[in-house]
Protein backbone atom coordinates (compact mmCIF):
# COMPACT_ATOMS: atom_id res chain seq x y z
CA MET A 1 142.23 113.93 27.27
CA THR A 2 141.00 117.50 27.79
CA ARG A 3 137.88 119.04 26.33
CA PRO A 4 136.90 122.69 25.85
CA ALA A 5 134.68 124.24 28.50
CA PRO A 6 131.06 124.93 27.53
CA PRO A 7 130.95 128.19 25.54
CA ALA A 8 130.61 131.43 27.49
CA ASP A 9 127.81 132.69 25.24
CA LEU A 10 125.37 130.13 26.66
CA ARG A 11 122.78 131.36 29.16
CA PRO A 12 124.59 131.30 32.53
CA ILE A 13 122.35 128.58 34.00
CA ASP A 14 122.68 126.45 30.86
CA ARG A 15 126.46 126.82 30.97
CA LEU A 16 126.53 125.79 34.62
CA LEU A 17 124.40 122.72 33.87
CA ALA A 18 126.72 121.81 31.00
CA ILE A 19 129.80 122.26 33.19
CA MET A 20 128.36 119.89 35.78
CA ALA A 21 127.51 117.34 33.08
CA TYR A 22 131.13 117.54 31.88
CA LEU A 23 132.48 117.12 35.41
CA ARG A 24 130.29 114.05 35.98
CA ASP A 25 131.23 112.41 32.69
CA PRO A 26 132.47 108.90 33.66
CA GLU A 27 135.12 108.85 30.94
CA HIS A 28 136.40 112.41 30.65
CA GLY A 29 135.12 114.10 33.80
CA CYS A 30 136.73 114.91 37.14
CA PRO A 31 137.37 111.71 39.15
CA TRP A 32 136.35 113.42 42.41
CA ASP A 33 133.07 114.74 41.00
CA VAL A 34 132.27 111.41 39.36
CA GLU A 35 132.58 109.42 42.60
CA GLN A 36 130.30 111.68 44.64
CA THR A 37 126.81 110.67 45.80
CA PHE A 38 123.86 112.50 47.37
CA ALA A 39 125.14 111.48 50.79
CA THR A 40 128.72 112.67 50.25
CA ILE A 41 127.63 116.01 48.80
CA ALA A 42 124.97 116.74 51.45
CA PRO A 43 127.46 118.09 54.05
CA TYR A 44 128.81 120.55 51.46
CA THR A 45 125.27 121.68 50.72
CA VAL A 46 124.67 122.46 54.38
CA GLU A 47 128.06 124.19 54.67
CA GLU A 48 127.36 126.41 51.66
CA ALA A 49 124.00 127.47 53.13
CA TYR A 50 125.80 128.55 56.30
CA GLU A 51 128.35 130.49 54.26
CA VAL A 52 125.49 132.34 52.56
CA ALA A 53 124.12 133.23 56.00
CA ASP A 54 127.59 134.35 57.10
CA ALA A 55 127.97 136.71 54.12
CA ILE A 56 124.55 138.20 54.91
CA GLU A 57 125.51 138.60 58.57
CA ARG A 58 128.66 140.48 57.52
CA GLY A 59 126.78 142.62 55.00
CA ASP A 60 129.24 141.59 52.28
CA LEU A 61 127.21 141.61 49.05
CA SER A 62 130.19 140.75 46.87
CA ASP A 63 130.84 137.67 48.97
CA LEU A 64 127.11 136.92 49.04
CA LYS A 65 127.06 136.77 45.23
CA GLU A 66 129.88 134.22 45.30
CA GLU A 67 128.34 132.15 48.11
CA LEU A 68 124.95 132.06 46.38
CA GLY A 69 126.77 130.71 43.33
CA ASP A 70 128.35 128.00 45.47
CA LEU A 71 124.92 127.12 46.87
CA LEU A 72 123.40 127.03 43.39
CA LEU A 73 126.16 124.65 42.36
CA GLN A 74 125.01 122.29 45.10
CA VAL A 75 121.48 122.26 43.65
CA VAL A 76 122.87 121.63 40.17
CA PHE A 77 125.11 118.83 41.50
CA HIS A 78 122.23 117.00 43.21
CA ALA A 79 119.96 117.49 40.20
CA ARG A 80 122.62 116.10 37.85
CA MET A 81 123.07 112.97 39.95
CA ALA A 82 119.29 112.50 40.01
CA GLU A 83 119.11 112.94 36.25
CA GLU A 84 121.77 110.27 35.78
CA GLN A 85 119.53 107.91 37.77
CA GLY A 86 116.48 108.84 35.71
CA ALA A 87 114.72 110.33 38.75
CA PHE A 88 114.44 114.02 37.83
CA ALA A 89 116.44 116.85 36.29
CA PHE A 90 117.19 120.48 37.17
CA GLU A 91 114.24 121.64 35.08
CA ASP A 92 111.94 119.47 37.22
CA VAL A 93 113.34 121.06 40.37
CA ALA A 94 112.73 124.56 39.00
CA ARG A 95 109.25 123.60 37.76
CA ALA A 96 108.27 122.07 41.11
CA ILE A 97 109.34 125.09 43.18
CA SER A 98 107.64 127.47 40.74
CA GLU A 99 104.37 125.55 41.04
CA LYS A 100 104.70 125.45 44.83
CA MET A 101 105.26 129.22 45.08
CA VAL A 102 102.23 129.92 42.91
CA ARG A 103 100.13 127.48 44.93
CA ARG A 104 101.25 128.95 48.26
CA HIS A 105 100.57 132.56 47.23
CA PRO A 106 96.89 132.56 46.25
CA HIS A 107 96.66 136.19 47.39
CA VAL A 108 99.11 137.09 44.61
CA PHE A 109 98.29 134.63 41.83
CA ALA A 110 94.59 133.95 42.55
CA ASP A 111 91.62 135.63 44.24
CA GLU A 112 92.46 134.85 47.88
CA THR A 113 92.68 137.82 50.23
CA TYR A 114 94.17 138.10 53.71
CA GLY A 115 93.25 140.76 56.23
CA SER A 116 96.63 140.73 57.96
CA LEU A 117 100.06 139.15 57.98
CA ALA A 118 98.86 136.84 60.74
CA GLU A 119 96.06 135.56 58.47
CA GLN A 120 98.57 135.13 55.65
CA LYS A 121 100.82 133.02 57.89
CA GLU A 122 97.83 130.91 58.92
CA GLY A 123 96.92 130.43 55.27
CA TRP A 124 100.50 129.45 54.45
CA GLU A 125 100.55 126.83 57.20
CA ALA A 126 97.16 125.49 56.07
CA LEU A 127 98.42 125.11 52.51
CA LYS A 128 101.56 123.32 53.74
CA ALA A 129 99.43 121.00 55.87
CA ALA A 130 97.26 120.19 52.85
CA GLU A 131 100.37 119.39 50.82
CA ARG A 132 101.59 117.02 53.53
CA GLU A 133 98.23 115.27 53.61
CA ALA A 134 98.23 114.98 49.82
CA LYS A 135 101.56 113.13 49.93
CA GLY A 136 99.82 110.49 52.02
CA ARG A 137 103.00 109.25 53.68
CA ARG A 138 102.67 110.82 57.10
CA GLN A 139 102.13 108.68 60.16
CA SER A 140 102.92 111.45 62.64
CA LEU A 141 102.43 115.20 62.55
CA LEU A 142 106.19 115.50 63.03
CA ASP A 143 107.32 113.03 60.36
CA ASP A 144 108.49 115.54 57.75
CA VAL A 145 110.43 117.87 60.07
CA PRO A 146 113.93 117.14 58.70
CA VAL A 147 116.25 115.30 61.06
CA GLY A 148 119.28 116.93 59.44
CA LEU A 149 118.36 120.46 60.53
CA PRO A 150 120.50 122.20 63.15
CA ALA A 151 119.14 120.95 66.48
CA LEU A 152 117.87 124.34 67.71
CA THR A 153 116.12 125.00 64.42
CA ARG A 154 114.54 121.55 64.45
CA ALA A 155 113.37 122.09 68.04
CA VAL A 156 111.61 125.27 66.92
CA LYS A 157 109.95 123.49 64.00
CA LEU A 158 108.90 120.51 66.13
CA SER A 159 107.31 122.71 68.78
CA LYS A 160 105.71 124.90 66.12
CA ARG A 161 104.18 121.86 64.43
CA ALA A 162 102.88 120.52 67.75
CA ALA A 163 101.40 123.94 68.53
CA THR A 164 99.16 123.67 65.45
CA VAL A 165 97.10 121.04 67.29
CA GLY A 166 97.10 122.85 70.63
CA PHE A 167 100.12 121.19 72.23
CA VAL A 168 101.63 124.45 73.41
CA TRP A 169 102.12 126.47 76.60
CA PRO A 170 99.47 129.20 76.69
CA THR A 171 101.72 132.16 77.58
CA VAL A 172 105.33 133.29 77.50
CA GLN A 173 105.29 133.21 81.31
CA ASP A 174 104.37 129.52 81.20
CA VAL A 175 107.36 128.80 78.96
CA VAL A 176 109.68 130.78 81.25
CA ALA A 177 108.36 128.84 84.25
CA LYS A 178 109.08 125.60 82.41
CA LEU A 179 112.60 126.84 81.69
CA HIS A 180 113.18 127.47 85.42
CA GLU A 181 111.87 123.97 86.14
CA GLU A 182 114.26 122.37 83.65
CA VAL A 183 117.23 124.38 84.96
CA ALA A 184 116.40 123.22 88.50
CA GLU A 185 116.37 119.61 87.30
CA LEU A 186 119.73 120.18 85.62
CA GLU A 187 121.16 121.57 88.86
CA VAL A 188 120.05 118.41 90.71
CA GLU A 189 121.91 116.14 88.27
CA VAL A 190 125.01 118.34 88.27
CA ALA A 191 125.07 118.27 92.06
CA ALA A 192 124.66 114.48 91.97
CA GLY A 193 127.56 114.17 89.53
CA ASP A 194 125.46 112.19 87.05
CA LEU A 195 126.88 113.43 83.75
CA GLU A 196 124.63 111.31 81.53
CA LYS A 197 121.46 112.63 83.17
CA ALA A 198 122.95 116.13 83.13
CA ARG A 199 123.44 115.77 79.37
CA GLN A 200 119.78 114.87 78.98
CA GLU A 201 118.69 117.76 81.17
CA ILE A 202 120.82 120.18 79.14
CA GLY A 203 118.91 118.96 76.09
CA ASP A 204 115.63 119.64 77.88
CA VAL A 205 116.80 123.14 78.79
CA LEU A 206 117.82 123.87 75.21
CA PHE A 207 114.51 122.56 73.87
CA VAL A 208 112.57 124.88 76.17
CA VAL A 209 114.85 127.78 75.19
CA ALA A 210 114.08 127.04 71.53
CA ASN A 211 110.38 126.94 72.39
CA LEU A 212 110.68 130.26 74.21
CA ALA A 213 112.41 131.75 71.18
CA ARG A 214 109.59 130.53 68.94
CA THR A 215 107.00 132.00 71.31
CA LEU A 216 108.81 135.37 71.16
CA ASP A 217 109.22 135.08 67.36
CA VAL A 218 113.01 134.97 67.72
CA ASP A 219 115.24 132.71 65.62
CA PRO A 220 117.41 130.96 68.24
CA GLU A 221 120.14 130.24 65.69
CA ASP A 222 120.27 133.94 64.81
CA ALA A 223 120.22 134.95 68.49
CA LEU A 224 123.04 132.53 69.34
CA ARG A 225 125.02 133.60 66.27
CA TYR A 226 124.76 137.21 67.50
CA THR A 227 125.94 136.22 70.97
CA ASN A 228 128.80 134.19 69.49
CA GLY A 229 129.85 137.34 67.67
CA LYS A 230 129.78 139.32 70.90
CA PHE A 231 131.85 136.67 72.65
CA VAL A 232 134.48 136.71 69.89
CA LYS A 233 134.67 140.51 69.95
CA ARG A 234 135.01 140.68 73.75
CA PHE A 235 137.55 137.87 73.94
CA ARG A 236 139.65 139.55 71.27
CA TYR A 237 139.55 142.69 73.42
CA ILE A 238 140.91 140.61 76.31
CA GLU A 239 143.71 139.27 74.09
CA GLU A 240 144.57 142.76 72.84
CA GLN A 241 144.66 144.29 76.31
CA LEU A 242 146.75 141.44 77.67
CA ALA A 243 149.15 141.89 74.76
CA THR A 244 149.70 145.53 75.81
CA ARG A 245 150.74 144.11 79.19
CA GLY A 246 153.13 141.71 77.55
CA LYS A 247 150.92 138.71 78.30
CA ALA A 248 149.08 135.94 76.50
CA PRO A 249 145.76 134.61 77.86
CA GLU A 250 147.43 131.48 79.21
CA GLN A 251 149.68 133.74 81.32
CA SER A 252 146.68 135.51 82.86
CA ASP A 253 144.03 134.31 85.29
CA LEU A 254 140.26 134.37 85.47
CA ALA A 255 140.08 137.47 87.69
CA GLU A 256 142.18 139.56 85.30
CA MET A 257 140.40 138.31 82.19
CA ASP A 258 136.97 138.80 83.78
CA ALA A 259 137.86 142.40 84.60
CA LEU A 260 138.89 142.95 80.98
CA TRP A 261 135.66 141.27 79.86
CA ASN A 262 133.70 143.84 81.85
CA GLU A 263 135.83 146.58 80.28
CA ALA A 264 134.91 145.24 76.82
CA LYS A 265 131.22 145.39 77.74
CA ALA A 266 131.64 148.99 78.94
CA VAL A 267 133.37 149.92 75.66
CA GLU A 268 130.43 148.44 73.72
CA ARG A 269 127.98 150.54 75.72
CA GLY A 270 130.06 153.60 74.93
């Protein structure tokens, strides 16, 4: 049995909430939507956040509007499932984030003043720390750094949290020195042919790289995304140039492709 869609003259957010309620209706809803849980939807939530970032990276505002809608749907989906369990509803989510933003911006909504952006960031971190303490569930300073974050991002947040209590290398040079140390340890394991230890050492190298990025105020995910883009562009140049020679990459060799790679870099430099 079909049912009419929620009327288009509703406020857009109210219509979206009604659509999700219809989709989750056990009797007349969509079987796929009805069987979903927080756990099964979570990967889609992460994927949609990445697609938002991709639209921003490409500067495609039309696509960004669509991707933001997809991400909003994820919030509505989770909130609907929570409402069905009597835990909270979408309005509670909106209310909670509104209260948090007011609380974390006392320089806008109260009488607090900051002398600089650095002071504002310190104030922000202090307010977040107070919120964590108020929850009363923390056993470790690192407890609420989400495990599900991309590994590089989580490494940045872990090292940033540890730095708040002084567990931090004093200078950029110290971090670079640590990076050289970890690379040397990786080289030892590679030379020994111990792949398991090499895997662990690669993790150590990446953690220090993330720490170095944090020290330099660089987002490692953003930096790697940029380099990925460069790699794709240069490799496509290799494919295009090989095609003019009547070749595919698998018909070439490293020396030829490396020469074309260097050509691609020269083209970029103009």
